[in-house]
């Protein structure tokens, strides 16, 4: 049974562990290092996993090590673990903005490393993660990582590291785009006379239903939109209003801003270390 170590026991680590245990992984495989006693007690009670305040104890003998710490402390944590991580272990970083070159520098040039960009719906096992591996990651290790992230949603490999920034713009930041639209729909629904709870329920269910249709249909999203949009009808009027204000252009600008910020963060973290 392979050992999996989590360095950091925050929300992302917790949701990954919960999903993994619900999908065939065993609590005995997992050890979590976290400085706070309260968090360690919570993880032990919720999942039955081993915990420790010592990062070195957690990674000893681990075949997969998930670095689930804040980007600002990633360099210090990774460098502290140099020498404690097995040479053939796989290291997974879930920190936004921390580049592979920096991870390789801190951990050693020959370490197998995967950069992962999950998102917050992972907490309810509907996450979407982008993955990028360096040349030292083998096929078996890739399958192991796929199993871990598929336990909390879906995962996709990208061909080069720069595309992780695109993943951030699409799925990493994406949930907030939908929440913003849902906020607006609920608010306008109330302005049109619906009670607050009714506007909220209708908005959430409509978002869920549209997503489920997109998942289950053989039609693409453009075709699904046209299917709902009868010529001369109410939906056509609404879509025309969106298009007059160049909604696609707004998304393009917003998502490019996310990419630009991701690149700036990577440069900032690299300069700090």
C-alpha atoms as a PDB file:
ATOM      1  CA  UNK A   1       0.000   0.000   0.000  1.00  0.00           C
ATOM      2  CA  UNK A   2       1.607   3.292  -1.107  1.00  0.00           C
ATOM      3  CA  UNK A   3       1.983   6.105   1.408  1.00  0.00           C
ATOM      4  CA  UNK A   4       0.635   9.562   0.527  1.00  0.00           C
ATOM      5  CA  UNK A   5       1.753  12.588   2.525  1.00  0.00           C
ATOM      6  CA  UNK A   6       0.037  15.947   2.647  1.00  0.00           C
ATOM      7  CA  UNK A   7       2.074  18.915   3.782  1.00  0.00           C
ATOM      8  CA  UNK A   8      -0.593  21.309   4.973  1.00  0.00           C
ATOM      9  CA  UNK A   9      -4.033  20.265   6.178  1.00  0.00           C
ATOM     10  CA  UNK A  10      -6.196  23.130   4.931  1.00  0.00           C
ATOM     11  CA  UNK A  11      -9.343  23.102   2.826  1.00  0.00           C
ATOM     12  CA  UNK A  12      -7.814  21.693  -0.355  1.00  0.00           C
ATOM     13  CA  UNK A  13      -5.996  18.893   1.463  1.00  0.00           C
ATOM     14  CA  UNK A  14      -9.134  18.090   3.436  1.00  0.00           C
ATOM     15  CA  UNK A  15     -11.373  17.879   0.380  1.00  0.00           C
ATOM     16  CA  UNK A  16      -8.820  15.767  -1.502  1.00  0.00           C
ATOM     17  CA  UNK A  17      -8.573  13.355   1.407  1.00  0.00           C
ATOM     18  CA  UNK A  18     -12.367  13.106   1.721  1.00  0.00           C
ATOM     19  CA  UNK A  19     -12.751  12.383  -1.988  1.00  0.00           C
ATOM     20  CA  UNK A  20      -9.931   9.878  -2.040  1.00  0.00           C
ATOM     21  CA  UNK A  21     -11.355   7.926   0.899  1.00  0.00           C
ATOM     22  CA  UNK A  22     -14.750   7.835  -0.833  1.00  0.00           C
ATOM     23  CA  UNK A  23     -13.117   6.407  -3.955  1.00  0.00           C
ATOM     24  CA  UNK A  24     -11.056   3.454  -2.808  1.00  0.00           C
ATOM     25  CA  UNK A  25      -8.081   4.976  -1.024  1.00  0.00           C
ATOM     26  CA  UNK A  26      -7.414   3.822   2.549  1.00  0.00           C
ATOM     27  CA  UNK A  27      -6.945   6.052   5.598  1.00  0.00           C
ATOM     28  CA  UNK A  28      -3.856   4.009   6.507  1.00  0.00           C
ATOM     29  CA  UNK A  29      -2.173   5.280   3.339  1.00  0.00           C
ATOM     30  CA  UNK A  30      -2.415   8.935   4.295  1.00  0.00           C
ATOM     31  CA  UNK A  31      -0.391  11.097   6.666  1.00  0.00           C
ATOM     32  CA  UNK A  32      -0.957  14.831   7.058  1.00  0.00           C
ATOM     33  CA  UNK A  33       1.549  17.304   8.474  1.00  0.00           C
ATOM     34  CA  UNK A  34       0.064  20.472   9.927  1.00  0.00           C
ATOM     35  CA  UNK A  35       1.367  22.770  12.675  1.00  0.00           C
ATOM     36  CA  UNK A  36      -1.995  23.339  14.372  1.00  0.00           C
ATOM     37  CA  UNK A  37      -3.183  20.742  16.892  1.00  0.00           C
ATOM     38  CA  UNK A  38      -6.834  21.665  16.375  1.00  0.00           C
ATOM     39  CA  UNK A  39      -6.617  21.031  12.638  1.00  0.00           C
ATOM     40  CA  UNK A  40      -4.789  17.732  13.191  1.00  0.00           C
ATOM     41  CA  UNK A  41      -7.435  16.568  15.649  1.00  0.00           C
ATOM     42  CA  UNK A  42     -10.174  17.527  13.183  1.00  0.00           C
ATOM     43  CA  UNK A  43      -8.560  15.554  10.340  1.00  0.00           C
ATOM     44  CA  UNK A  44      -8.037  12.489  12.533  1.00  0.00           C
ATOM     45  CA  UNK A  45     -11.651  12.538  13.732  1.00  0.00           C
ATOM     46  CA  UNK A  46     -13.152  13.196  10.294  1.00  0.00           C
ATOM     47  CA  UNK A  47     -11.054  10.787   8.222  1.00  0.00           C
ATOM     48  CA  UNK A  48      -9.094   8.492  10.520  1.00  0.00           C
ATOM     49  CA  UNK A  49      -5.789   9.521   8.915  1.00  0.00           C
ATOM     50  CA  UNK A  50      -2.467   9.857  10.710  1.00  0.00           C
ATOM     51  CA  UNK A  51      -1.277  13.392  11.449  1.00  0.00           C
ATOM     52  CA  UNK A  52       1.926  14.961  12.704  1.00  0.00           C
ATOM     53  CA  UNK A  53       3.320  18.453  13.328  1.00  0.00           C
ATOM     54  CA  UNK A  54       6.603  17.343  11.704  1.00  0.00           C
ATOM     55  CA  UNK A  55       6.882  17.591   7.901  1.00  0.00           C
ATOM     56  CA  UNK A  56       9.875  15.254   7.855  1.00  0.00           C
ATOM     57  CA  UNK A  57       7.951  12.494   9.624  1.00  0.00           C
ATOM     58  CA  UNK A  58       5.061  12.873   7.180  1.00  0.00           C
ATOM     59  CA  UNK A  59       7.191  12.500   4.035  1.00  0.00           C
ATOM     60  CA  UNK A  60       9.352   9.626   5.316  1.00  0.00           C
ATOM     61  CA  UNK A  61       8.758   6.692   2.942  1.00  0.00           C
ATOM     62  CA  UNK A  62       5.964   8.500   1.061  1.00  0.00           C
ATOM     63  CA  UNK A  63       5.589   7.709  -2.639  1.00  0.00           C
ATOM     64  CA  UNK A  64       3.401  10.766  -3.279  1.00  0.00           C
ATOM     65  CA  UNK A  65       3.815  14.086  -1.450  1.00  0.00           C
ATOM     66  CA  UNK A  66       1.204  16.821  -1.892  1.00  0.00           C
ATOM     67  CA  UNK A  67       2.492  20.288  -1.029  1.00  0.00           C
ATOM     68  CA  UNK A  68      -0.739  22.018  -0.012  1.00  0.00           C
ATOM     69  CA  UNK A  69       0.707  25.165   1.548  1.00  0.00           C
ATOM     70  CA  UNK A  70       0.340  28.830   0.637  1.00  0.00           C
ATOM     71  CA  UNK A  71       2.504  30.019  -2.264  1.00  0.00           C
ATOM     72  CA  UNK A  72       4.287  32.513  -0.007  1.00  0.00           C
ATOM     73  CA  UNK A  73       5.789  29.747   2.130  1.00  0.00           C
ATOM     74  CA  UNK A  74       6.264  27.097  -0.567  1.00  0.00           C
ATOM     75  CA  UNK A  75       9.977  27.860  -1.034  1.00  0.00           C
ATOM     76  CA  UNK A  76      10.809  27.559   2.645  1.00  0.00           C
ATOM     77  CA  UNK A  77       8.756  24.361   3.054  1.00  0.00           C
ATOM     78  CA  UNK A  78      10.204  22.695  -0.050  1.00  0.00           C
ATOM     79  CA  UNK A  79      13.811  23.574   0.811  1.00  0.00           C
ATOM     80  CA  UNK A  80      13.350  22.315   4.371  1.00  0.00           C
ATOM     81  CA  UNK A  81      12.246  18.943   3.012  1.00  0.00           C
ATOM     82  CA  UNK A  82      15.220  18.520   0.677  1.00  0.00           C
ATOM     83  CA  UNK A  83      16.979  15.349   1.746  1.00  0.00           C
ATOM     84  CA  UNK A  84      13.900  13.921   3.484  1.00  0.00           C
ATOM     85  CA  UNK A  85      11.957  13.135   0.303  1.00  0.00           C
ATOM     86  CA  UNK A  86      12.768   9.817  -1.400  1.00  0.00           C
ATOM     87  CA  UNK A  87      14.511  10.292  -4.738  1.00  0.00           C
ATOM     88  CA  UNK A  88      11.829   8.313  -6.577  1.00  0.00           C
ATOM     89  CA  UNK A  89       8.859  10.004  -4.845  1.00  0.00           C
ATOM     90  CA  UNK A  90       6.392  12.155  -6.737  1.00  0.00           C
ATOM     91  CA  UNK A  91       5.841  15.702  -5.451  1.00  0.00           C
ATOM     92  CA  UNK A  92       2.590  17.504  -6.280  1.00  0.00           C
ATOM     93  CA  UNK A  93       2.199  21.253  -5.817  1.00  0.00           C
ATOM     94  CA  UNK A  94      -1.287  22.767  -5.614  1.00  0.00           C
ATOM     95  CA  UNK A  95      -0.018  26.322  -5.067  1.00  0.00           C
ATOM     96  CA  UNK A  96      -1.003  28.870  -7.710  1.00  0.00           C
ATOM     97  CA  UNK A  97       1.819  30.927  -9.161  1.00  0.00           C
ATOM     98  CA  UNK A  98       4.689  28.673  -8.084  1.00  0.00           C
ATOM     99  CA  UNK A  99       6.605  27.633 -11.190  1.00  0.00           C
ATOM    100  CA  UNK A 100       8.120  24.261 -11.924  1.00  0.00           C
ATOM    101  CA  UNK A 101      11.619  25.730 -12.285  1.00  0.00           C
ATOM    102  CA  UNK A 102      11.475  27.043  -8.729  1.00  0.00           C
ATOM    103  CA  UNK A 103      10.115  23.756  -7.382  1.00  0.00           C
ATOM    104  CA  UNK A 104      12.894  21.858  -9.160  1.00  0.00           C
ATOM    105  CA  UNK A 105      15.481  24.267  -7.745  1.00  0.00           C
ATOM    106  CA  UNK A 106      14.206  23.838  -4.193  1.00  0.00           C
ATOM    107  CA  UNK A 107      13.681  20.077  -4.355  1.00  0.00           C
ATOM    108  CA  UNK A 108      16.530  19.030  -6.632  1.00  0.00           C
ATOM    109  CA  UNK A 109      16.713  18.772 -10.405  1.00  0.00           C
ATOM    110  CA  UNK A 110      15.820  15.085 -10.696  1.00  0.00           C
ATOM    111  CA  UNK A 111      12.659  15.032  -8.540  1.00  0.00           C
ATOM    112  CA  UNK A 112       9.398  13.991 -10.226  1.00  0.00           C
ATOM    113  CA  UNK A 113       7.054  16.972  -9.863  1.00  0.00           C
ATOM    114  CA  UNK A 114       3.491  17.738 -10.943  1.00  0.00           C
ATOM    115  CA  UNK A 115       1.950  21.190 -10.839  1.00  0.00           C
ATOM    116  CA  UNK A 116      -1.786  20.921 -10.176  1.00  0.00           C
ATOM    117  CA  UNK A 117      -4.385  23.678 -10.399  1.00  0.00           C
ATOM    118  CA  UNK A 118      -7.602  22.474  -8.732  1.00  0.00           C
ATOM    119  CA  UNK A 119     -10.562  24.729  -7.954  1.00  0.00           C
ATOM    120  CA  UNK A 120     -12.918  25.289  -5.045  1.00  0.00           C
ATOM    121  CA  UNK A 121     -15.769  23.009  -6.261  1.00  0.00           C
ATOM    122  CA  UNK A 122     -13.320  20.215  -5.400  1.00  0.00           C
ATOM    123  CA  UNK A 123     -14.694  20.698  -1.886  1.00  0.00           C
ATOM    124  CA  UNK A 124     -18.004  19.179  -3.036  1.00  0.00           C
ATOM    125  CA  UNK A 125     -16.286  16.706  -5.426  1.00  0.00           C
ATOM    126  CA  UNK A 126     -17.212  18.620  -8.550  1.00  0.00           C
ATOM    127  CA  UNK A 127     -13.763  20.077  -9.055  1.00  0.00           C
ATOM    128  CA  UNK A 128     -11.769  20.628 -12.227  1.00  0.00           C
ATOM    129  CA  UNK A 129      -7.980  20.441 -12.140  1.00  0.00           C
ATOM    130  CA  UNK A 130      -5.285  21.104 -14.710  1.00  0.00           C
ATOM    131  CA  UNK A 131      -2.064  19.088 -14.382  1.00  0.00           C
ATOM    132  CA  UNK A 132       1.442  19.521 -15.775  1.00  0.00           C
ATOM    133  CA  UNK A 133       4.319  17.091 -15.175  1.00  0.00           C
ATOM    134  CA  UNK A 134       8.050  17.476 -15.543  1.00  0.00           C
ATOM    135  CA  UNK A 135      10.152  14.923 -17.500  1.00  0.00           C
ATOM    136  CA  UNK A 136      10.826  12.781 -14.427  1.00  0.00           C
ATOM    137  CA  UNK A 137       7.163  11.803 -13.894  1.00  0.00           C
ATOM    138  CA  UNK A 138       6.466   8.309 -15.216  1.00  0.00           C
ATOM    139  CA  UNK A 139       3.230   6.784 -16.509  1.00  0.00           C
ATOM    140  CA  UNK A 140       2.428   4.968 -13.266  1.00  0.00           C
ATOM    141  CA  UNK A 141       2.832   8.184 -11.295  1.00  0.00           C
ATOM    142  CA  UNK A 142       0.558  10.005 -13.736  1.00  0.00           C
ATOM    143  CA  UNK A 143      -2.125   7.374 -13.223  1.00  0.00           C
ATOM    144  CA  UNK A 144      -1.780   7.763  -9.437  1.00  0.00           C
ATOM    145  CA  UNK A 145      -2.307  11.514  -9.675  1.00  0.00           C
ATOM    146  CA  UNK A 146      -5.266  11.095 -12.008  1.00  0.00           C
ATOM    147  CA  UNK A 147      -6.903   8.782  -9.466  1.00  0.00           C
ATOM    148  CA  UNK A 148      -6.407  11.350  -6.698  1.00  0.00           C
ATOM    149  CA  UNK A 149      -7.856  14.286  -8.610  1.00  0.00           C
ATOM    150  CA  UNK A 150     -10.626  12.303 -10.298  1.00  0.00           C
ATOM    151  CA  UNK A 151     -11.786  11.478  -6.761  1.00  0.00           C
ATOM    152  CA  UNK A 152     -12.762  15.152  -6.349  1.00  0.00           C
ATOM    153  CA  UNK A 153     -14.007  15.881  -9.871  1.00  0.00           C
ATOM    154  CA  UNK A 154     -12.118  15.694 -13.162  1.00  0.00           C
ATOM    155  CA  UNK A 155      -8.532  16.397 -14.200  1.00  0.00           C
ATOM    156  CA  UNK A 156      -6.834  17.211 -17.494  1.00  0.00           C
ATOM    157  CA  UNK A 157      -3.152  17.193 -18.465  1.00  0.00           C
ATOM    158  CA  UNK A 158      -1.756  20.201 -20.326  1.00  0.00           C
ATOM    159  CA  UNK A 159       1.163  19.977 -22.755  1.00  0.00           C
ATOM    160  CA  UNK A 160       3.244  22.860 -21.430  1.00  0.00           C
ATOM    161  CA  UNK A 161       3.483  24.737 -18.175  1.00  0.00           C
ATOM    162  CA  UNK A 162       2.339  28.055 -19.632  1.00  0.00           C
ATOM    163  CA  UNK A 163      -1.092  26.488 -20.148  1.00  0.00           C
ATOM    164  CA  UNK A 164      -1.517  26.225 -16.364  1.00  0.00           C
ATOM    165  CA  UNK A 165      -2.175  29.980 -16.497  1.00  0.00           C
ATOM    166  CA  UNK A 166      -4.977  29.300 -18.988  1.00  0.00           C
ATOM    167  CA  UNK A 167      -6.343  26.646 -16.616  1.00  0.00           C
ATOM    168  CA  UNK A 168      -6.348  29.262 -13.853  1.00  0.00           C
ATOM    169  CA  UNK A 169      -8.311  31.654 -16.099  1.00  0.00           C
ATOM    170  CA  UNK A 170     -10.868  29.002 -17.115  1.00  0.00           C
ATOM    171  CA  UNK A 171     -11.451  26.726 -14.129  1.00  0.00           C
ATOM    172  CA  UNK A 172      -9.289  28.036 -11.284  1.00  0.00           C
ATOM    173  CA  UNK A 173     -10.981  31.444 -11.224  1.00  0.00           C
ATOM    174  CA  UNK A 174     -14.030  30.267 -13.180  1.00  0.00           C
ATOM    175  CA  UNK A 175     -16.338  29.454 -10.249  1.00  0.00           C
ATOM    176  CA  UNK A 176     -16.282  33.131  -9.262  1.00  0.00           C
ATOM    177  CA  UNK A 177     -17.470  34.125 -12.746  1.00  0.00           C
ATOM    178  CA  UNK A 178     -20.521  31.916 -12.365  1.00  0.00           C
ATOM    179  CA  UNK A 179     -21.162  33.144  -8.821  1.00  0.00           C
ATOM    180  CA  UNK A 180     -21.029  36.726 -10.135  1.00  0.00           C
ATOM    181  CA  UNK A 181     -23.609  35.915 -12.833  1.00  0.00           C
ATOM    182  CA  UNK A 182     -25.767  34.144 -10.261  1.00  0.00           C
ATOM    183  CA  UNK A 183     -25.567  37.176  -7.960  1.00  0.00           C
ATOM    184  CA  UNK A 184     -26.737  39.407 -10.803  1.00  0.00           C
ATOM    185  CA  UNK A 185     -29.558  37.077 -11.845  1.00  0.00           C
ATOM    186  CA  UNK A 186     -30.827  36.792  -8.291  1.00  0.00           C
ATOM    187  CA  UNK A 187     -30.660  40.568  -7.723  1.00  0.00           C
ATOM    188  CA  UNK A 188     -32.454  41.415 -10.960  1.00  0.00           C
ATOM    189  CA  UNK A 189     -35.021  38.694 -10.295  1.00  0.00           C
ATOM    190  CA  UNK A 190     -35.808  40.417  -6.999  1.00  0.00           C
ATOM    191  CA  UNK A 191     -36.018  43.786  -8.752  1.00  0.00           C
ATOM    192  CA  UNK A 192     -38.546  42.205 -11.120  1.00  0.00           C
ATOM    193  CA  UNK A 193     -40.685  41.244  -8.138  1.00  0.00           C
ATOM    194  CA  UNK A 194     -39.602  37.754  -7.077  1.00  0.00           C
ATOM    195  CA  UNK A 195     -39.083  37.060  -3.373  1.00  0.00           C
ATOM    196  CA  UNK A 196     -35.395  36.752  -2.427  1.00  0.00           C
ATOM    197  CA  UNK A 197     -35.552  33.006  -1.702  1.00  0.00           C
ATOM    198  CA  UNK A 198     -37.478  32.288  -4.906  1.00  0.00           C
ATOM    199  CA  UNK A 199     -34.987  34.249  -7.018  1.00  0.00           C
ATOM    200  CA  UNK A 200     -32.117  32.401  -5.329  1.00  0.00           C
ATOM    201  CA  UNK A 201     -33.633  28.930  -5.798  1.00  0.00           C
ATOM    202  CA  UNK A 202     -34.516  29.533  -9.433  1.00  0.00           C
ATOM    203  CA  UNK A 203     -31.066  30.928 -10.204  1.00  0.00           C
ATOM    204  CA  UNK A 204     -29.152  28.073  -8.580  1.00  0.00           C
ATOM    205  CA  UNK A 205     -31.338  25.359 -10.092  1.00  0.00           C
ATOM    206  CA  UNK A 206     -31.087  26.958 -13.531  1.00  0.00           C
ATOM    207  CA  UNK A 207     -27.282  27.019 -13.300  1.00  0.00           C
ATOM    208  CA  UNK A 208     -27.236  23.397 -12.151  1.00  0.00           C
ATOM    209  CA  UNK A 209     -29.650  22.321 -14.871  1.00  0.00           C
ATOM    210  CA  UNK A 210     -27.702  24.087 -17.617  1.00  0.00           C
ATOM    211  CA  UNK A 211     -24.446  22.477 -16.472  1.00  0.00           C
ATOM    212  CA  UNK A 212     -26.072  19.043 -16.326  1.00  0.00           C
ATOM    213  CA  UNK A 213     -27.493  19.494 -19.836  1.00  0.00           C
ATOM    214  CA  UNK A 214     -24.032  20.443 -21.113  1.00  0.00           C
ATOM    215  CA  UNK A 215     -22.549  17.333 -19.489  1.00  0.00           C
ATOM    216  CA  UNK A 216     -25.172  14.883 -20.710  1.00  0.00           C
ATOM    217  CA  UNK A 217     -25.921  16.257 -24.193  1.00  0.00           C
ATOM    218  CA  UNK A 218     -24.092  15.361 -27.389  1.00  0.00           C
ATOM    219  CA  UNK A 219     -24.582  18.977 -28.519  1.00  0.00           C
ATOM    220  CA  UNK A 220     -21.941  21.608 -27.802  1.00  0.00           C
ATOM    221  CA  UNK A 221     -22.742  24.682 -25.731  1.00  0.00           C
ATOM    222  CA  UNK A 222     -23.334  26.873 -28.791  1.00  0.00           C
ATOM    223  CA  UNK A 223     -25.886  24.401 -30.131  1.00  0.00           C
ATOM    224  CA  UNK A 224     -27.563  24.108 -26.743  1.00  0.00           C
ATOM    225  CA  UNK A 225     -27.867  27.891 -26.559  1.00  0.00           C
ATOM    226  CA  UNK A 226     -29.458  28.044 -30.003  1.00  0.00           C
ATOM    227  CA  UNK A 227     -31.815  25.216 -29.041  1.00  0.00           C
ATOM    228  CA  UNK A 228     -33.156  27.295 -26.155  1.00  0.00           C
ATOM    229  CA  UNK A 229     -33.308  30.509 -28.200  1.00  0.00           C
ATOM    230  CA  UNK A 230     -36.512  30.616 -30.265  1.00  0.00           C
ATOM    231  CA  UNK A 231     -36.412  33.301 -32.990  1.00  0.00           C
ATOM    232  CA  UNK A 232     -38.272  36.396 -31.875  1.00  0.00           C
ATOM    233  CA  UNK A 233     -38.779  35.024 -28.352  1.00  0.00           C
ATOM    234  CA  UNK A 234     -37.849  36.189 -24.876  1.00  0.00           C
ATOM    235  CA  UNK A 235     -34.506  34.368 -24.789  1.00  0.00           C
ATOM    236  CA  UNK A 236     -33.530  35.805 -28.163  1.00  0.00           C
ATOM    237  CA  UNK A 237     -34.199  39.308 -26.816  1.00  0.00           C
ATOM    238  CA  UNK A 238     -32.039  38.647 -23.767  1.00  0.00           C
ATOM    239  CA  UNK A 239     -29.187  37.117 -25.779  1.00  0.00           C
ATOM    240  CA  UNK A 240     -29.251  40.052 -28.187  1.00  0.00           C
ATOM    241  CA  UNK A 241     -28.886  42.447 -25.245  1.00  0.00           C
ATOM    242  CA  UNK A 242     -25.839  40.499 -24.014  1.00  0.00           C
ATOM    243  CA  UNK A 243     -24.285  40.436 -27.468  1.00  0.00           C
ATOM    244  CA  UNK A 244     -24.835  44.153 -28.011  1.00  0.00           C
ATOM    245  CA  UNK A 245     -22.642  44.691 -24.941  1.00  0.00           C
ATOM    246  CA  UNK A 246     -20.003  42.259 -26.251  1.00  0.00           C
ATOM    247  CA  UNK A 247     -20.252  39.688 -23.472  1.00  0.00           C
ATOM    248  CA  UNK A 248     -17.588  37.526 -25.144  1.00  0.00           C
ATOM    249  CA  UNK A 249     -15.231  40.494 -25.245  1.00  0.00           C
ATOM    250  CA  UNK A 250     -15.823  41.076 -21.531  1.00  0.00           C
ATOM    251  CA  UNK A 251     -14.959  37.458 -20.782  1.00  0.00           C
ATOM    252  CA  UNK A 252     -11.876  37.660 -22.976  1.00  0.00           C
ATOM    253  CA  UNK A 253     -10.665  40.745 -21.131  1.00  0.00           C
ATOM    254  CA  UNK A 254     -11.420  39.266 -17.711  1.00  0.00           C
ATOM    255  CA  UNK A 255      -9.740  35.920 -18.408  1.00  0.00           C
ATOM    256  CA  UNK A 256      -6.682  37.616 -19.898  1.00  0.00           C
ATOM    257  CA  UNK A 257      -6.475  39.686 -16.701  1.00  0.00           C
ATOM    258  CA  UNK A 258      -6.443  36.443 -14.719  1.00  0.00           C
ATOM    259  CA  UNK A 259      -3.629  35.074 -16.891  1.00  0.00           C
ATOM    260  CA  UNK A 260      -1.639  38.301 -16.521  1.00  0.00           C
ATOM    261  CA  UNK A 261      -2.011  38.204 -12.746  1.00  0.00           C
ATOM    262  CA  UNK A 262      -0.968  34.540 -12.604  1.00  0.00           C
ATOM    263  CA  UNK A 263       2.198  35.379 -14.549  1.00  0.00           C
ATOM    264  CA  UNK A 264       2.920  38.348 -12.293  1.00  0.00           C
ATOM    265  CA  UNK A 265       2.476  36.199  -9.170  1.00  0.00           C
ATOM    266  CA  UNK A 266       4.868  33.599 -10.580  1.00  0.00           C
ATOM    267  CA  UNK A 267       7.480  36.291 -11.148  1.00  0.00           C
ATOM    268  CA  UNK A 268       6.955  37.703  -7.649  1.00  0.00           C
ATOM    269  CA  UNK A 269       7.343  34.329  -5.930  1.00  0.00           C
ATOM    270  CA  UNK A 270      10.376  33.476  -8.046  1.00  0.00           C
ATOM    271  CA  UNK A 271      12.054  36.794  -7.164  1.00  0.00           C
ATOM    272  CA  UNK A 272      11.388  36.247  -3.461  1.00  0.00           C
ATOM    273  CA  UNK A 273      13.249  32.959  -3.540  1.00  0.00           C
END
